Amino acid sequence: MLASAACASFPPPTNTMASSIASVRGAEELGAANVPQAALQLQLANEEISRARVLMADGDNEKAHYMALRAGNDAELAIALTRENAARSEAAKAKQRVVTALTPEATP
């Protein structure tokens, strides 16, 4: 009985859910689904948001809060991995431009 009273006193994690959902959308907009490591984190985040919704519906707001936090963290990791992938790609292109610029042209 005490456990159910503790769960009932925890407020619904609406702000945490909204923040997590926004992070997932941000990751999707950056193209996380196209980066394998980021896609995995994005999938985890979506699954955790679904679990958090079920927990909220069951009245287990505290567990829902922590699940939503996990979702937000996984979405933020997906964003970071996507940005890292883009930075690495840009660095490789820049390196290639430097190599091309430094390579003497063959004159016929």
PDB file of N, CA and C in Angstrom:
ATOM      1  N   MET A   1       0.822  -1.183   0.000  1.00  0.00           N
ATOM      2  CA  MET A   1       0.000   0.000   0.000  1.00  0.00           C
ATOM      3  C   MET A   1       0.867   1.249   0.000  1.00  0.00           C
ATOM      4  N   LEU A   2       1.954   1.225   0.745  1.00  0.00           N
ATOM      5  CA  LEU A   2       2.853   2.367   0.799  1.00  0.00           C
ATOM      6  C   LEU A   2       3.472   2.643  -0.570  1.00  0.00           C
ATOM      7  N   ALA A   3       3.820   1.598  -1.298  1.00  0.00           N
ATOM      8  CA  ALA A   3       4.416   1.769  -2.627  1.00  0.00           C
ATOM      9  C   ALA A   3       3.442   2.431  -3.587  1.00  0.00           C
ATOM     10  N   SER A   4       2.182   2.052  -3.519  1.00  0.00           N
ATOM     11  CA  SER A   4       1.206   2.667  -4.417  1.00  0.00           C
ATOM     12  C   SER A   4       0.956   4.117  -4.045  1.00  0.00           C
ATOM     13  N   ALA A   5       1.047   4.450  -2.777  1.00  0.00           N
ATOM     14  CA  ALA A   5       0.877   5.846  -2.361  1.00  0.00           C
ATOM     15  C   ALA A   5       2.050   6.686  -2.836  1.00  0.00           C
ATOM     16  N   ALA A   6       3.247   6.125  -2.831  1.00  0.00           N
ATOM     17  CA  ALA A   6       4.429   6.859  -3.292  1.00  0.00           C
ATOM     18  C   ALA A   6       4.333   7.135  -4.784  1.00  0.00           C
ATOM     19  N   CYS A   7       3.868   6.169  -5.547  1.00  0.00           N
ATOM     20  CA  CYS A   7       3.735   6.353  -6.986  1.00  0.00           C
ATOM     21  C   CYS A   7       2.665   7.380  -7.323  1.00  0.00           C
ATOM     22  N   ALA A   8       1.588   7.374  -6.540  1.00  0.00           N
ATOM     23  CA  ALA A   8       0.487   8.290  -6.800  1.00  0.00           C
ATOM     24  C   ALA A   8       0.889   9.732  -6.528  1.00  0.00           C
ATOM     25  N   SER A   9       1.849   9.940  -5.631  1.00  0.00           N
ATOM     26  CA  SER A   9       2.237  11.305  -5.306  1.00  0.00           C
ATOM     27  C   SER A   9       3.233  11.888  -6.304  1.00  0.00           C
ATOM     28  N   PHE A  10       3.811  11.064  -7.155  1.00  0.00           N
ATOM     29  CA  PHE A  10       4.764  11.554  -8.157  1.00  0.00           C
ATOM     30  C   PHE A  10       3.968  12.152  -9.317  1.00  0.00           C
ATOM     31  N   PRO A  11       4.244  13.397  -9.693  1.00  0.00           N
ATOM     32  CA  PRO A  11       3.449  14.040 -10.748  1.00  0.00           C
ATOM     33  C   PRO A  11       3.736  13.435 -12.129  1.00  0.00           C
ATOM     34  N   PRO A  12       2.789  13.507 -13.024  1.00  0.00           N
ATOM     35  CA  PRO A  12       3.023  12.991 -14.381  1.00  0.00           C
ATOM     36  C   PRO A  12       4.210  13.726 -15.011  1.00  0.00           C
ATOM     37  N   PRO A  13       5.096  12.996 -15.649  1.00  0.00           N
ATOM     38  CA  PRO A  13       6.304  13.602 -16.207  1.00  0.00           C
ATOM     39  C   PRO A  13       6.080  14.239 -17.586  1.00  0.00           C
ATOM     40  N   THR A  14       5.121  15.122 -17.669  1.00  0.00           N
ATOM     41  CA  THR A  14       4.779  15.711 -18.964  1.00  0.00           C
ATOM     42  C   THR A  14       5.920  16.544 -19.542  1.00  0.00           C
ATOM     43  N   ASN A  15       6.617  17.300 -18.703  1.00  0.00           N
ATOM     44  CA  ASN A  15       7.734  18.106 -19.208  1.00  0.00           C
ATOM     45  C   ASN A  15       8.878  17.220 -19.679  1.00  0.00           C
ATOM     46  N   THR A  16       9.162  16.178 -18.933  1.00  0.00           N
ATOM     47  CA  THR A  16      10.233  15.259 -19.312  1.00  0.00           C
ATOM     48  C   THR A  16       9.885  14.559 -20.618  1.00  0.00           C
ATOM     49  N   MET A  17       8.634  14.151 -20.758  1.00  0.00           N
ATOM     50  CA  MET A  17       8.194  13.505 -21.994  1.00  0.00           C
ATOM     51  C   MET A  17       8.308  14.461 -23.176  1.00  0.00           C
ATOM     52  N   ALA A  18       7.860  15.701 -22.981  1.00  0.00           N
ATOM     53  CA  ALA A  18       7.914  16.680 -24.068  1.00  0.00           C
ATOM     54  C   ALA A  18       9.355  16.941 -24.494  1.00  0.00           C
ATOM     55  N   SER A  19      10.237  17.056 -23.534  1.00  0.00           N
ATOM     56  CA  SER A  19      11.646  17.279 -23.836  1.00  0.00           C
ATOM     57  C   SER A  19      12.245  16.099 -24.589  1.00  0.00           C
ATOM     58  N   SER A  20      11.913  14.910 -24.169  1.00  0.00           N
ATOM     59  CA  SER A  20      12.430  13.703 -24.822  1.00  0.00           C
ATOM     60  C   SER A  20      11.897  13.577 -26.243  1.00  0.00           C
ATOM     61  N   ILE A  21      10.635  13.862 -26.412  1.00  0.00           N
ATOM     62  CA  ILE A  21      10.032  13.794 -27.748  1.00  0.00           C
ATOM     63  C   ILE A  21      10.674  14.834 -28.660  1.00  0.00           C
ATOM     64  N   ALA A  22      10.939  16.016 -28.132  1.00  0.00           N
ATOM     65  CA  ALA A  22      11.604  17.061 -28.919  1.00  0.00           C
ATOM     66  C   ALA A  22      13.017  16.630 -29.314  1.00  0.00           C
ATOM     67  N   SER A  23      13.721  15.967 -28.413  1.00  0.00           N
ATOM     68  CA  SER A  23      15.069  15.478 -28.730  1.00  0.00           C
ATOM     69  C   SER A  23      15.022  14.411 -29.817  1.00  0.00           C
ATOM     70  N   VAL A  24      14.025  13.552 -29.761  1.00  0.00           N
ATOM     71  CA  VAL A  24      13.866  12.527 -30.797  1.00  0.00           C
ATOM     72  C   VAL A  24      13.599  13.186 -32.146  1.00  0.00           C
ATOM     73  N   ARG A  25      12.733  14.174 -32.164  1.00  0.00           N
ATOM     74  CA  ARG A  25      12.440  14.878 -33.427  1.00  0.00           C
ATOM     75  C   ARG A  25      13.688  15.564 -33.962  1.00  0.00           C
ATOM     76  N   GLY A  26      14.458  16.164 -33.066  1.00  0.00           N
ATOM     77  CA  GLY A  26      15.701  16.806 -33.484  1.00  0.00           C
ATOM     78  C   GLY A  26      16.661  15.817 -34.107  1.00  0.00           C
ATOM     79  N   ALA A  27      16.774  14.648 -33.498  1.00  0.00           N
ATOM     80  CA  ALA A  27      17.654  13.602 -34.043  1.00  0.00           C
ATOM     81  C   ALA A  27      17.157  13.145 -35.413  1.00  0.00           C
ATOM     82  N   GLU A  28      15.855  12.993 -35.539  1.00  0.00           N
ATOM     83  CA  GLU A  28      15.289  12.577 -36.826  1.00  0.00           C
ATOM     84  C   GLU A  28      15.552  13.621 -37.899  1.00  0.00           C
ATOM     85  N   GLU A  29      15.385  14.890 -37.550  1.00  0.00           N
ATOM     86  CA  GLU A  29      15.594  15.967 -38.515  1.00  0.00           C
ATOM     87  C   GLU A  29      17.055  16.080 -38.944  1.00  0.00           C
ATOM     88  N   LEU A  30      17.977  15.730 -38.050  1.00  0.00           N
ATOM     89  CA  LEU A  30      19.401  15.763 -38.399  1.00  0.00           C
ATOM     90  C   LEU A  30      19.808  14.580 -39.268  1.00  0.00           C
ATOM     91  N   GLY A  31      18.952  13.586 -39.362  1.00  0.00           N
ATOM     92  CA  GLY A  31      19.259  12.426 -40.179  1.00  0.00           C
ATOM     93  C   GLY A  31      19.886  11.279 -39.417  1.00  0.00           C
ATOM     94  N   ALA A  32      19.578  11.170 -38.146  1.00  0.00           N
ATOM     95  CA  ALA A  32      20.149  10.104 -37.325  1.00  0.00           C
ATOM     96  C   ALA A  32      19.824   8.713 -37.864  1.00  0.00           C
ATOM     97  N   ALA A  33      18.717   8.584 -38.539  1.00  0.00           N
ATOM     98  CA  ALA A  33      18.336   7.280 -39.082  1.00  0.00           C
ATOM     99  C   ALA A  33      19.309   6.803 -40.162  1.00  0.00           C
ATOM    100  N   ASN A  34      20.092   7.723 -40.716  1.00  0.00           N
ATOM    101  CA  ASN A  34      21.040   7.376 -41.774  1.00  0.00           C
ATOM    102  C   ASN A  34      22.442   7.068 -41.262  1.00  0.00           C
ATOM    103  N   VAL A  35      22.643   7.191 -39.964  1.00  0.00           N
ATOM    104  CA  VAL A  35      23.942   6.897 -39.340  1.00  0.00           C
ATOM    105  C   VAL A  35      23.722   5.677 -38.445  1.00  0.00           C
ATOM    106  N   PRO A  36      24.339   4.543 -38.779  1.00  0.00           N
ATOM    107  CA  PRO A  36      24.019   3.298 -38.061  1.00  0.00           C
ATOM    108  C   PRO A  36      24.050   3.390 -36.538  1.00  0.00           C
ATOM    109  N   GLN A  37      25.094   3.953 -35.959  1.00  0.00           N
ATOM    110  CA  GLN A  37      25.163   4.034 -34.494  1.00  0.00           C
ATOM    111  C   GLN A  37      24.067   4.943 -33.954  1.00  0.00           C
ATOM    112  N   ALA A  38      23.827   6.047 -34.630  1.00  0.00           N
ATOM    113  CA  ALA A  38      22.793   6.982 -34.193  1.00  0.00           C
ATOM    114  C   ALA A  38      21.401   6.389 -34.368  1.00  0.00           C
ATOM    115  N   ALA A  39      21.223   5.621 -35.426  1.00  0.00           N
ATOM    116  CA  ALA A  39      19.921   4.992 -35.674  1.00  0.00           C
ATOM    117  C   ALA A  39      19.537   4.050 -34.535  1.00  0.00           C
ATOM    118  N   LEU A  40      20.519   3.338 -34.015  1.00  0.00           N
ATOM    119  CA  LEU A  40      20.257   2.444 -32.883  1.00  0.00           C
ATOM    120  C   LEU A  40      19.799   3.241 -31.669  1.00  0.00           C
ATOM    121  N   GLN A  41      20.486   4.333 -31.372  1.00  0.00           N
ATOM    122  CA  GLN A  41      20.107   5.159 -30.225  1.00  0.00           C
ATOM    123  C   GLN A  41      18.727   5.783 -30.426  1.00  0.00           C
ATOM    124  N   LEU A  42      18.436   6.177 -31.652  1.00  0.00           N
ATOM    125  CA  LEU A  42      17.127   6.746 -31.970  1.00  0.00           C
ATOM    126  C   LEU A  42      16.026   5.711 -31.778  1.00  0.00           C
ATOM    127  N   GLN A  43      16.283   4.492 -32.210  1.00  0.00           N
ATOM    128  CA  GLN A  43      15.311   3.414 -32.015  1.00  0.00           C
ATOM    129  C   GLN A  43      15.076   3.163 -30.522  1.00  0.00           C
ATOM    130  N   LEU A  44      16.155   3.130 -29.753  1.00  0.00           N
ATOM    131  CA  LEU A  44      16.017   2.942 -28.302  1.00  0.00           C
ATOM    132  C   LEU A  44      15.182   4.060 -27.688  1.00  0.00           C
ATOM    133  N   ALA A  45      15.459   5.287 -28.093  1.00  0.00           N
ATOM    134  CA  ALA A  45      14.723   6.429 -27.560  1.00  0.00           C
ATOM    135  C   ALA A  45      13.232   6.310 -27.863  1.00  0.00           C
ATOM    136  N   ASN A  46      12.900   5.931 -29.082  1.00  0.00           N
ATOM    137  CA  ASN A  46      11.484   5.764 -29.442  1.00  0.00           C
ATOM    138  C   ASN A  46      10.819   4.661 -28.630  1.00  0.00           C
ATOM    139  N   GLU A  47      11.535   3.560 -28.419  1.00  0.00           N
ATOM    140  CA  GLU A  47      10.984   2.473 -27.618  1.00  0.00           C
ATOM    141  C   GLU A  47      10.788   2.906 -26.166  1.00  0.00           C
ATOM    142  N   GLU A  48      11.733   3.674 -25.639  1.00  0.00           N
ATOM    143  CA  GLU A  48      11.629   4.135 -24.257  1.00  0.00           C
ATOM    144  C   GLU A  48      10.489   5.137 -24.082  1.00  0.00           C
ATOM    145  N   ILE A  49      10.251   5.960 -25.082  1.00  0.00           N
ATOM    146  CA  ILE A  49       9.108   6.884 -25.012  1.00  0.00           C
ATOM    147  C   ILE A  49       7.808   6.087 -24.995  1.00  0.00           C
ATOM    148  N   SER A  50       7.743   5.054 -25.806  1.00  0.00           N
ATOM    149  CA  SER A  50       6.541   4.201 -25.812  1.00  0.00           C
ATOM    150  C   SER A  50       6.332   3.549 -24.451  1.00  0.00           C
ATOM    151  N   ARG A  51       7.435   3.049 -23.857  1.00  0.00           N
ATOM    152  CA  ARG A  51       7.327   2.444 -22.525  1.00  0.00           C
ATOM    153  C   ARG A  51       6.901   3.476 -21.486  1.00  0.00           C
ATOM    154  N   ALA A  52       7.441   4.673 -21.588  1.00  0.00           N
ATOM    155  CA  ALA A  52       7.089   5.731 -20.634  1.00  0.00           C
ATOM    156  C   ALA A  52       5.601   6.072 -20.733  1.00  0.00           C
ATOM    157  N   ARG A  53       5.076   6.085 -21.937  1.00  0.00           N
ATOM    158  CA  ARG A  53       3.634   6.356 -22.117  1.00  0.00           C
ATOM    159  C   ARG A  53       2.788   5.284 -21.448  1.00  0.00           C
ATOM    160  N   VAL A  54       3.209   4.035 -21.611  1.00  0.00           N
ATOM    161  CA  VAL A  54       2.475   2.925 -20.978  1.00  0.00           C
ATOM    162  C   VAL A  54       2.549   3.064 -19.458  1.00  0.00           C
ATOM    163  N   LEU A  55       3.733   3.370 -18.952  1.00  0.00           N
ATOM    164  CA  LEU A  55       3.885   3.540 -17.501  1.00  0.00           C
ATOM    165  C   LEU A  55       3.021   4.682 -16.980  1.00  0.00           C
ATOM    166  N   MET A  56       2.957   5.776 -17.726  1.00  0.00           N
ATOM    167  CA  MET A  56       2.097   6.898 -17.318  1.00  0.00           C
ATOM    168  C   MET A  56       0.635   6.474 -17.305  1.00  0.00           C
ATOM    169  N   ALA A  57       0.237   5.744 -18.320  1.00  0.00           N
ATOM    170  CA  ALA A  57      -1.152   5.287 -18.392  1.00  0.00           C
ATOM    171  C   ALA A  57      -1.489   4.359 -17.235  1.00  0.00           C
ATOM    172  N   ASP A  58      -0.487   3.605 -16.776  1.00  0.00           N
ATOM    173  CA  ASP A  58      -0.683   2.705 -15.637  1.00  0.00           C
ATOM    174  C   ASP A  58      -0.577   3.438 -14.299  1.00  0.00           C
ATOM    175  N   GLY A  59      -0.266   4.727 -14.348  1.00  0.00           N
ATOM    176  CA  GLY A  59      -0.157   5.510 -13.119  1.00  0.00           C
ATOM    177  C   GLY A  59       1.201   5.425 -12.438  1.00  0.00           C
ATOM    178  N   ASP A  60       2.179   4.811 -13.094  1.00  0.00           N
ATOM    179  CA  ASP A  60       3.514   4.691 -12.518  1.00  0.00           C
ATOM    180  C   ASP A  60       4.376   5.849 -13.036  1.00  0.00           C
ATOM    181  N   ASN A  61       4.073   7.031 -12.531  1.00  0.00           N
ATOM    182  CA  ASN A  61       4.699   8.249 -13.034  1.00  0.00           C
ATOM    183  C   ASN A  61       6.196   8.331 -12.755  1.00  0.00           C
ATOM    184  N   GLU A  62       6.632   7.800 -11.638  1.00  0.00           N
ATOM    185  CA  GLU A  62       8.056   7.875 -11.318  1.00  0.00           C
ATOM    186  C   GLU A  62       8.876   7.053 -12.314  1.00  0.00           C
ATOM    187  N   LYS A  63       8.442   5.826 -12.564  1.00  0.00           N
ATOM    188  CA  LYS A  63       9.153   4.998 -13.546  1.00  0.00           C
ATOM    189  C   LYS A  63       9.048   5.621 -14.938  1.00  0.00           C
ATOM    190  N   ALA A  64       7.901   6.204 -15.246  1.00  0.00           N
ATOM    191  CA  ALA A  64       7.720   6.874 -16.540  1.00  0.00           C
ATOM    192  C   ALA A  64       8.693   8.040 -16.677  1.00  0.00           C
ATOM    193  N   HIS A  65       8.885   8.772 -15.581  1.00  0.00           N
ATOM    194  CA  HIS A  65       9.822   9.896 -15.580  1.00  0.00           C
ATOM    195  C   HIS A  65      11.227   9.423 -15.923  1.00  0.00           C
ATOM    196  N   TYR A  66      11.676   8.377 -15.255  1.00  0.00           N
ATOM    197  CA  TYR A  66      13.026   7.877 -15.499  1.00  0.00           C
ATOM    198  C   TYR A  66      13.165   7.265 -16.893  1.00  0.00           C
ATOM    199  N   MET A  67      12.121   6.639 -17.374  1.00  0.00           N
ATOM    200  CA  MET A  67      12.163   6.081 -18.726  1.00  0.00           C
ATOM    201  C   MET A  67      12.218   7.206 -19.751  1.00  0.00           C
ATOM    202  N   ALA A  68      11.482   8.280 -19.506  1.00  0.00           N
ATOM    203  CA  ALA A  68      11.521   9.434 -20.411  1.00  0.00           C
ATOM    204  C   ALA A  68      12.897  10.098 -20.379  1.00  0.00           C
ATOM    205  N   LEU A  69      13.523  10.142 -19.215  1.00  0.00           N
ATOM    206  CA  LEU A  69      14.887  10.683 -19.122  1.00  0.00           C
ATOM    207  C   LEU A  69      15.848   9.847 -19.956  1.00  0.00           C
ATOM    208  N   ARG A  70      15.717   8.536 -19.863  1.00  0.00           N
ATOM    209  CA  ARG A  70      16.567   7.651 -20.664  1.00  0.00           C
ATOM    210  C   ARG A  70      16.349   7.902 -22.147  1.00  0.00           C
ATOM    211  N   ALA A  71      15.097   8.075 -22.523  1.00  0.00           N
ATOM    212  CA  ALA A  71      14.783   8.332 -23.929  1.00  0.00           C
ATOM    213  C   ALA A  71      15.436   9.624 -24.398  1.00  0.00           C
ATOM    214  N   GLY A  72      15.343  10.654 -23.578  1.00  0.00           N
ATOM    215  CA  GLY A  72      15.957  11.927 -23.932  1.00  0.00           C
ATOM    216  C   GLY A  72      17.462  11.812 -24.064  1.00  0.00           C
ATOM    217  N   ASN A  73      18.080  11.074 -23.162  1.00  0.00           N
ATOM    218  CA  ASN A  73      19.524  10.882 -23.219  1.00  0.00           C
ATOM    219  C   ASN A  73      19.929  10.089 -24.457  1.00  0.00           C
ATOM    220  N   ASP A  74      19.166   9.068 -24.789  1.00  0.00           N
ATOM    221  CA  ASP A  74      19.481   8.292 -25.991  1.00  0.00           C
ATOM    222  C   ASP A  74      19.290   9.134 -27.248  1.00  0.00           C
ATOM    223  N   ALA A  75      18.278   9.975 -27.268  1.00  0.00           N
ATOM    224  CA  ALA A  75      18.067  10.860 -28.413  1.00  0.00           C
ATOM    225  C   ALA A  75      19.205  11.877 -28.530  1.00  0.00           C
ATOM    226  N   GLU A  76      19.653  12.411 -27.401  1.00  0.00           N
ATOM    227  CA  GLU A  76      20.775  13.360 -27.424  1.00  0.00           C
ATOM    228  C   GLU A  76      22.052  12.668 -27.899  1.00  0.00           C
ATOM    229  N   LEU A  77      22.236  11.418 -27.519  1.00  0.00           N
ATOM    230  CA  LEU A  77      23.391  10.658 -28.000  1.00  0.00           C
ATOM    231  C   LEU A  77      23.283  10.455 -29.511  1.00  0.00           C
ATOM    232  N   ALA A  78      22.094  10.185 -30.000  1.00  0.00           N
ATOM    233  CA  ALA A  78      21.886  10.040 -31.447  1.00  0.00           C
ATOM    234  C   ALA A  78      22.246  11.339 -32.164  1.00  0.00           C
ATOM    235  N   ILE A  79      21.874  12.465 -31.574  1.00  0.00           N
ATOM    236  CA  ILE A  79      22.216  13.767 -32.160  1.00  0.00           C
ATOM    237  C   ILE A  79      23.727  13.948 -32.193  1.00  0.00           C
ATOM    238  N   ALA A  80      24.386  13.647 -31.098  1.00  0.00           N
ATOM    239  CA  ALA A  80      25.843  13.797 -31.030  1.00  0.00           C
ATOM    240  C   ALA A  80      26.541  12.883 -32.041  1.00  0.00           C
ATOM    241  N   LEU A  81      26.083  11.649 -32.163  1.00  0.00           N
ATOM    242  CA  LEU A  81      26.681  10.720 -33.122  1.00  0.00           C
ATOM    243  C   LEU A  81      26.460  11.174 -34.560  1.00  0.00           C
ATOM    244  N   THR A  82      25.296  11.736 -34.828  1.00  0.00           N
ATOM    245  CA  THR A  82      24.999  12.243 -36.171  1.00  0.00           C
ATOM    246  C   THR A  82      25.892  13.430 -36.503  1.00  0.00           C
ATOM    247  N   ARG A  83      26.045  14.333 -35.543  1.00  0.00           N
ATOM    248  CA  ARG A  83      26.920  15.492 -35.761  1.00  0.00           C
ATOM    249  C   ARG A  83      28.377  15.061 -35.915  1.00  0.00           C
ATOM    250  N   GLU A  84      28.791  14.086 -35.132  1.00  0.00           N
ATOM    251  CA  GLU A  84      30.156  13.583 -35.256  1.00  0.00           C
ATOM    252  C   GLU A  84      30.382  12.990 -36.643  1.00  0.00           C
ATOM    253  N   ASN A  85      29.421  12.231 -37.122  1.00  0.00           N
ATOM    254  CA  ASN A  85      29.532  11.632 -38.443  1.00  0.00           C
ATOM    255  C   ASN A  85      29.643  12.713 -39.521  1.00  0.00           C
ATOM    256  N   ALA A  86      28.842  13.751 -39.404  1.00  0.00           N
ATOM    257  CA  ALA A  86      28.895  14.850 -40.372  1.00  0.00           C
ATOM    258  C   ALA A  86      30.234  15.574 -40.300  1.00  0.00           C
ATOM    259  N   ALA A  87      30.744  15.787 -39.107  1.00  0.00           N
ATOM    260  CA  ALA A  87      32.034  16.465 -38.941  1.00  0.00           C
ATOM    261  C   ALA A  87      33.167  15.624 -39.534  1.00  0.00           C
ATOM    262  N   ARG A  88      33.117  14.329 -39.311  1.00  0.00           N
ATOM    263  CA  ARG A  88      34.144  13.452 -39.881  1.00  0.00           C
ATOM    264  C   ARG A  88      34.094  13.475 -41.412  1.00  0.00           C
ATOM    265  N   SER A  89      32.897  13.490 -41.943  1.00  0.00           N
ATOM    266  CA  SER A  89      32.734  13.531 -43.399  1.00  0.00           C
ATOM    267  C   SER A  89      33.290  14.840 -43.961  1.00  0.00           C
ATOM    268  N   GLU A  90      32.970  15.945 -43.325  1.00  0.00           N
ATOM    269  CA  GLU A  90      33.478  17.251 -43.766  1.00  0.00           C
ATOM    270  C   GLU A  90      35.000  17.312 -43.635  1.00  0.00           C
ATOM    271  N   ALA A  91      35.538  16.740 -42.575  1.00  0.00           N
ATOM    272  CA  ALA A  91      36.994  16.728 -42.386  1.00  0.00           C
ATOM    273  C   ALA A  91      37.669  15.913 -43.485  1.00  0.00           C
ATOM    274  N   ALA A  92      37.074  14.800 -43.851  1.00  0.00           N
ATOM    275  CA  ALA A  92      37.636  13.974 -44.918  1.00  0.00           C
ATOM    276  C   ALA A  92      37.612  14.723 -46.247  1.00  0.00           C
ATOM    277  N   LYS A  93      36.531  15.446 -46.506  1.00  0.00           N
ATOM    278  CA  LYS A  93      36.441  16.234 -47.739  1.00  0.00           C
ATOM    279  C   LYS A  93      37.483  17.346 -47.740  1.00  0.00           C
ATOM    280  N   ALA A  94      37.646  18.010 -46.612  1.00  0.00           N
ATOM    281  CA  ALA A  94      38.644  19.078 -46.520  1.00  0.00           C
ATOM    282  C   ALA A  94      40.047  18.528 -46.720  1.00  0.00           C
ATOM    283  N   LYS A  95      40.324  17.390 -46.141  1.00  0.00           N
ATOM    284  CA  LYS A  95      41.634  16.760 -46.293  1.00  0.00           C
ATOM    285  C   LYS A  95      41.881  16.432 -47.756  1.00  0.00           C
ATOM    286  N   GLN A  96      40.869  15.925 -48.429  1.00  0.00           N
ATOM    287  CA  GLN A  96      41.012  15.599 -49.852  1.00  0.00           C
ATOM    288  C   GLN A  96      41.270  16.856 -50.670  1.00  0.00           C
ATOM    289  N   ARG A  97      40.622  17.962 -50.345  1.00  0.00           N
ATOM    290  CA  ARG A  97      40.857  19.215 -51.057  1.00  0.00           C
ATOM    291  C   ARG A  97      42.299  19.684 -50.857  1.00  0.00           C
ATOM    292  N   VAL A  98      42.814  19.535 -49.645  1.00  0.00           N
ATOM    293  CA  VAL A  98      44.203  19.910 -49.359  1.00  0.00           C
ATOM    294  C   VAL A  98      45.163  19.037 -50.161  1.00  0.00           C
ATOM    295  N   VAL A  99      44.941  17.751 -50.154  1.00  0.00           N
ATOM    296  CA  VAL A  99      45.801  16.830 -50.906  1.00  0.00           C
ATOM    297  C   VAL A  99      45.764  17.172 -52.381  1.00  0.00           C
ATOM    298  N   THR A 100      44.592  17.457 -52.908  1.00  0.00           N
ATOM    299  CA  THR A 100      44.451  17.807 -54.314  1.00  0.00           C
ATOM    300  C   THR A 100      45.193  19.110 -54.605  1.00  0.00           C
ATOM    301  N   ALA A 101      45.080  20.085 -53.721  1.00  0.00           N
ATOM    302  CA  ALA A 101      45.741  21.372 -53.916  1.00  0.00           C
ATOM    303  C   ALA A 101      47.252  21.252 -53.855  1.00  0.00           C
ATOM    304  N   LEU A 102      47.767  20.347 -53.052  1.00  0.00           N
ATOM    305  CA  LEU A 102      49.210  20.191 -52.894  1.00  0.00           C
ATOM    306  C   LEU A 102      49.846  19.267 -53.923  1.00  0.00           C
ATOM    307  N   THR A 103      49.027  18.509 -54.633  1.00  0.00           N
ATOM    308  CA  THR A 103      49.539  17.580 -55.629  1.00  0.00           C
ATOM    309  C   THR A 103      49.886  18.368 -56.893  1.00  0.00           C
ATOM    310  N   PRO A 104      51.140  18.251 -57.332  1.00  0.00           N
ATOM    311  CA  PRO A 104      51.500  18.949 -58.576  1.00  0.00           C
ATOM    312  C   PRO A 104      50.717  18.376 -59.752  1.00  0.00           C
ATOM    313  N   GLU A 105      50.262  19.275 -60.576  1.00  0.00           N
ATOM    314  CA  GLU A 105      49.501  18.836 -61.749  1.00  0.00           C
ATOM    315  C   GLU A 105      50.457  18.308 -62.802  1.00  0.00           C
ATOM    316  N   ALA A 106      50.031  17.273 -63.433  1.00  0.00           N
ATOM    317  CA  ALA A 106      50.842  16.701 -64.512  1.00  0.00           C
ATOM    318  C   ALA A 106      50.685  17.582 -65.731  1.00  0.00           C
ATOM    319  N   THR A 107      51.797  18.018 -66.271  1.00  0.00           N
ATOM    320  CA  THR A 107      51.754  18.847 -67.487  1.00  0.00           C
ATOM    321  C   THR A 107      52.109  17.989 -68.688  1.00  0.00           C
ATOM    322  N   PRO A 108      51.350  18.055 -69.750  1.00  0.00           N
ATOM    323  CA  PRO A 108      51.616  17.222 -70.924  1.00  0.00           C
ATOM    324  C   PRO A 108      52.788  17.720 -71.726  1.00  0.00           C
TER     325      PRO A 108
END
